[in-house]
Structures are given as C-alpha cells and as structure tokens.
C-alpha cells in the first residue's frame, strides 16, 4: 500500500533528490575550488593566504558556483538521479568538469578573474573526482537502503505433502540438509 502525502509521490521524491544532489554539488564545487588553489601552493595555507588568490576566489566563488551548476544541467547530472550509475554518468561528469575548466580558463585569460592559470585544470580534477565520489556513494547508499528494506519482506513457501514422503525436500526448503 502506498503512503499518501506530499513527500510520498514519485515527483516529490524526485524533486527532493534533485535538491539534495544540488546542495551536495554546492559543497563539492566550493571545496574543489579551495583544494585546487591549495594544491597550486603545495598544500601550504600560509603561501595561499599570502598570494591573495584566496581573496580572489572568495570574490568569484558565487559566480563560479552558479556557472558550474548551470553547466551541470545540460550534462544531465540532475536528470538521471543515479538510479543506475554507469560509465555514461561518469562521462557526463568528466565532460561537465572539462566545460567548467574551459570557461574558467577563458575568464582568467580575459583578465575577468585574478587566479593562476593552473586553477582551472586543478579545479576540474578535484571537481570530477569529488563529484564522482559523492554521486556513486549516493548510488551505493540508496542500493544498501533498498536491500535493507527488502530484507524484511521474504517470500514464504509451503510444501504440501513433503513431510509425509520424507524425501528430503522439506529439509532442503529450510536451507540446510538437517532441516534447521
């Protein structure tokens, strides 16, 4: 029996999943940009802080975030919802990360942002890896939850006349040869 209510229809569940994935993407986008700059400075926060690139990143972070989410949409990162995560989804993530890198590189070359030239490449790498990690872990968590919910529902089998014949079929149905 299906549950009634606003959050139990298929459309509402799909909308909640899209919102959840978008929120995770916002965190991934910000973290990957920070990690790209940190990697550029050999993971030395003091060197990063002294370079003033962190201030530039914070200034442009909202624009990069909106740009990245808008790029993720045509690459279908919010439409498949990871029911069956596969090589196609992996390819979509890699292409989206490359598209983000191309646009960021263009912004840097045109002097629209003050970030190092290595930033788009490093950001694309971190963005792709973290997005794949979270999307596939989301798929794995849903799969585990689905298995757990199915565990309580077991098919029952009735063998009629098996005990009278005593040919071992009733013991076989119980799962072991001793009938336990």
Protein backbone atom coordinates (compact mmCIF):
# COMPACT_ATOMS: atom_id res chain seq x y z
CA UNK A 1 0.00 0.00 0.00
CA UNK A 2 1.40 3.38 -1.00
CA UNK A 3 1.69 6.13 1.56
CA UNK A 4 -0.29 9.25 0.91
CA UNK A 5 1.15 12.69 1.44
CA UNK A 6 3.11 15.42 -0.19
CA UNK A 7 6.54 13.75 0.16
CA UNK A 8 5.47 10.26 -0.87
CA UNK A 9 4.62 10.77 -4.53
CA UNK A 10 7.23 9.89 -7.12
CA UNK A 11 7.52 13.50 -8.33
CA UNK A 12 8.07 14.80 -4.80
CA UNK A 13 10.73 12.16 -4.12
CA UNK A 14 12.45 13.04 -7.38
CA UNK A 15 12.37 16.75 -6.52
CA UNK A 16 13.85 16.07 -3.09
CA UNK A 17 16.64 14.00 -4.65
CA UNK A 18 17.44 16.79 -7.13
CA UNK A 19 17.54 19.34 -4.30
CA UNK A 20 19.77 17.04 -2.23
CA UNK A 21 22.17 16.47 -5.14
CA UNK A 22 22.29 20.21 -5.90
CA UNK A 23 23.12 21.01 -2.28
CA UNK A 24 25.87 18.39 -2.27
CA UNK A 25 27.16 19.84 -5.52
CA UNK A 26 27.33 23.32 -3.98
CA UNK A 27 29.60 21.99 -1.26
CA UNK A 28 31.68 19.96 -3.74
CA UNK A 29 32.10 22.97 -6.05
CA UNK A 30 33.33 25.21 -3.24
CA UNK A 31 35.60 22.57 -1.73
CA UNK A 32 37.14 21.61 -5.07
CA UNK A 33 37.92 25.27 -5.87
CA UNK A 34 39.61 25.70 -2.49
CA UNK A 35 41.54 22.43 -2.90
CA UNK A 36 42.65 23.49 -6.41
CA UNK A 37 44.22 26.67 -5.02
CA UNK A 38 45.68 24.82 -2.07
CA UNK A 39 47.23 22.22 -4.40
CA UNK A 40 48.65 25.04 -6.53
CA UNK A 41 50.58 26.22 -3.46
CA UNK A 42 51.76 22.74 -2.44
CA UNK A 43 49.06 22.46 0.23
CA UNK A 44 50.58 25.33 2.20
CA UNK A 45 47.80 27.52 3.53
CA UNK A 46 50.20 30.31 4.51
CA UNK A 47 51.53 30.58 0.96
CA UNK A 48 47.97 30.56 -0.37
CA UNK A 49 46.92 33.26 2.07
CA UNK A 50 49.91 35.45 1.23
CA UNK A 51 49.27 35.17 -2.51
CA UNK A 52 45.88 36.93 -2.31
CA UNK A 53 44.39 34.33 -4.66
CA UNK A 54 42.17 33.15 -1.81
CA UNK A 55 40.57 36.59 -1.63
CA UNK A 56 40.01 36.50 -5.39
CA UNK A 57 38.48 33.04 -5.16
CA UNK A 58 36.10 34.16 -2.41
CA UNK A 59 35.09 37.14 -4.53
CA UNK A 60 34.33 34.97 -7.58
CA UNK A 61 33.04 31.87 -5.77
CA UNK A 62 29.33 32.69 -6.15
CA UNK A 63 29.77 33.21 -9.89
CA UNK A 64 31.78 30.01 -10.28
CA UNK A 65 29.17 28.09 -8.32
CA UNK A 66 26.24 29.32 -10.40
CA UNK A 67 28.22 28.75 -13.60
CA UNK A 68 29.11 25.20 -12.59
CA UNK A 69 25.55 24.27 -11.63
CA UNK A 70 24.28 25.73 -14.91
CA UNK A 71 26.86 23.64 -16.77
CA UNK A 72 25.85 20.51 -14.84
CA UNK A 73 22.23 20.82 -16.04
CA UNK A 74 22.77 20.25 -19.80
CA UNK A 75 25.20 17.45 -18.98
CA UNK A 76 22.25 15.64 -17.34
CA UNK A 77 23.75 15.45 -13.88
CA UNK A 78 20.36 16.16 -12.32
CA UNK A 79 18.13 14.19 -14.66
CA UNK A 80 19.26 10.57 -14.29
CA UNK A 81 19.27 10.76 -10.47
CA UNK A 82 21.70 7.88 -10.34
CA UNK A 83 19.26 5.01 -10.37
CA UNK A 84 21.79 3.09 -12.44
CA UNK A 85 25.16 4.80 -12.10
CA UNK A 86 27.28 3.75 -15.04
CA UNK A 87 30.01 4.77 -17.44
CA UNK A 88 27.61 7.22 -19.12
CA UNK A 89 27.21 9.17 -15.89
CA UNK A 90 30.96 9.11 -15.37
CA UNK A 91 31.46 10.51 -18.86
CA UNK A 92 28.87 13.24 -18.22
CA UNK A 93 30.75 14.29 -15.06
CA UNK A 94 34.11 14.39 -16.84
CA UNK A 95 32.72 16.42 -19.73
CA UNK A 96 30.99 18.85 -17.37
CA UNK A 97 34.20 19.34 -15.38
CA UNK A 98 36.11 19.97 -18.62
CA UNK A 99 33.50 22.52 -19.74
CA UNK A 100 33.82 24.32 -16.39
CA UNK A 101 37.61 24.35 -16.81
CA UNK A 102 37.38 25.82 -20.32
CA UNK A 103 35.12 28.64 -19.15
CA UNK A 104 37.28 29.35 -16.10
CA UNK A 105 40.40 29.37 -18.26
CA UNK A 106 38.74 31.84 -20.64
CA UNK A 107 37.82 34.07 -17.70
CA UNK A 108 41.41 34.02 -16.47
CA UNK A 109 42.92 34.70 -19.91
CA UNK A 110 40.49 37.58 -20.48
CA UNK A 111 41.50 39.01 -17.07
CA UNK A 112 37.99 38.71 -15.70
CA UNK A 113 39.31 36.88 -12.64
CA UNK A 114 42.63 37.03 -10.83
CA UNK A 115 43.50 33.37 -10.41
CA UNK A 116 46.52 31.33 -11.51
CA UNK A 117 46.40 29.61 -14.92
CA UNK A 118 46.70 26.22 -13.24
CA UNK A 119 43.45 26.78 -11.32
CA UNK A 120 41.01 25.54 -13.99
CA UNK A 121 42.89 22.28 -14.54
CA UNK A 122 43.30 21.54 -10.85
CA UNK A 123 39.73 22.57 -10.15
CA UNK A 124 38.42 20.29 -12.92
CA UNK A 125 40.36 17.37 -11.47
CA UNK A 126 39.08 17.91 -7.93
CA UNK A 127 35.57 18.65 -9.17
CA UNK A 128 35.40 15.49 -11.27
CA UNK A 129 36.83 13.23 -8.57
CA UNK A 130 34.67 14.62 -5.77
CA UNK A 131 31.51 14.64 -7.89
CA UNK A 132 32.09 11.03 -8.94
CA UNK A 133 32.83 10.06 -5.35
CA UNK A 134 29.66 11.62 -3.97
CA UNK A 135 27.37 10.57 -6.82
CA UNK A 136 28.49 6.96 -6.76
CA UNK A 137 28.43 6.86 -2.95
CA UNK A 138 24.88 8.24 -3.15
CA UNK A 139 24.03 5.39 -5.52
CA UNK A 140 25.65 2.87 -3.20
CA UNK A 141 23.81 4.23 -0.14
CA UNK A 142 20.47 4.00 -1.98
CA UNK A 143 21.27 0.44 -3.03
CA UNK A 144 22.11 -0.57 0.55
CA UNK A 145 18.96 1.09 1.88
CA UNK A 146 16.85 -0.68 -0.74
CA UNK A 147 18.38 -4.05 0.20
CA UNK A 148 17.71 -3.44 3.89
CA UNK A 149 14.08 -2.55 3.22
CA UNK A 150 13.65 -5.71 1.15
CA UNK A 151 15.24 -7.88 3.82
CA UNK A 152 12.13 -7.72 5.99
CA UNK A 153 9.92 -8.92 3.15
CA UNK A 154 10.54 -12.59 2.46
CA UNK A 155 8.63 -14.92 0.21
CA UNK A 156 7.02 -17.78 2.07
CA UNK A 157 6.86 -21.23 0.54
CA UNK A 158 4.51 -24.00 1.55
CA UNK A 159 5.43 -27.57 0.74
CA UNK A 160 2.42 -29.80 0.83
CA UNK A 161 2.99 -33.46 1.49
CA UNK A 162 6.75 -33.19 1.78
CA UNK A 163 6.81 -34.39 5.38
CA UNK A 164 4.78 -37.48 4.52
CA UNK A 165 7.15 -38.55 1.77
CA UNK A 166 10.30 -37.76 3.73
CA UNK A 167 12.38 -37.46 0.60
CA UNK A 168 14.41 -34.58 1.98
CA UNK A 169 12.59 -31.79 0.14
CA UNK A 170 11.29 -30.25 3.37
CA UNK A 171 14.83 -30.14 4.80
CA UNK A 172 16.11 -28.66 1.54
CA UNK A 173 13.50 -25.88 1.67
CA UNK A 174 14.62 -24.86 5.16
CA UNK A 175 18.10 -24.04 3.91
CA UNK A 176 20.31 -26.85 5.13
CA UNK A 177 20.44 -30.61 4.93
CA UNK A 178 19.43 -31.15 8.55
CA UNK A 179 16.23 -29.11 8.24
CA UNK A 180 17.24 -26.48 10.77
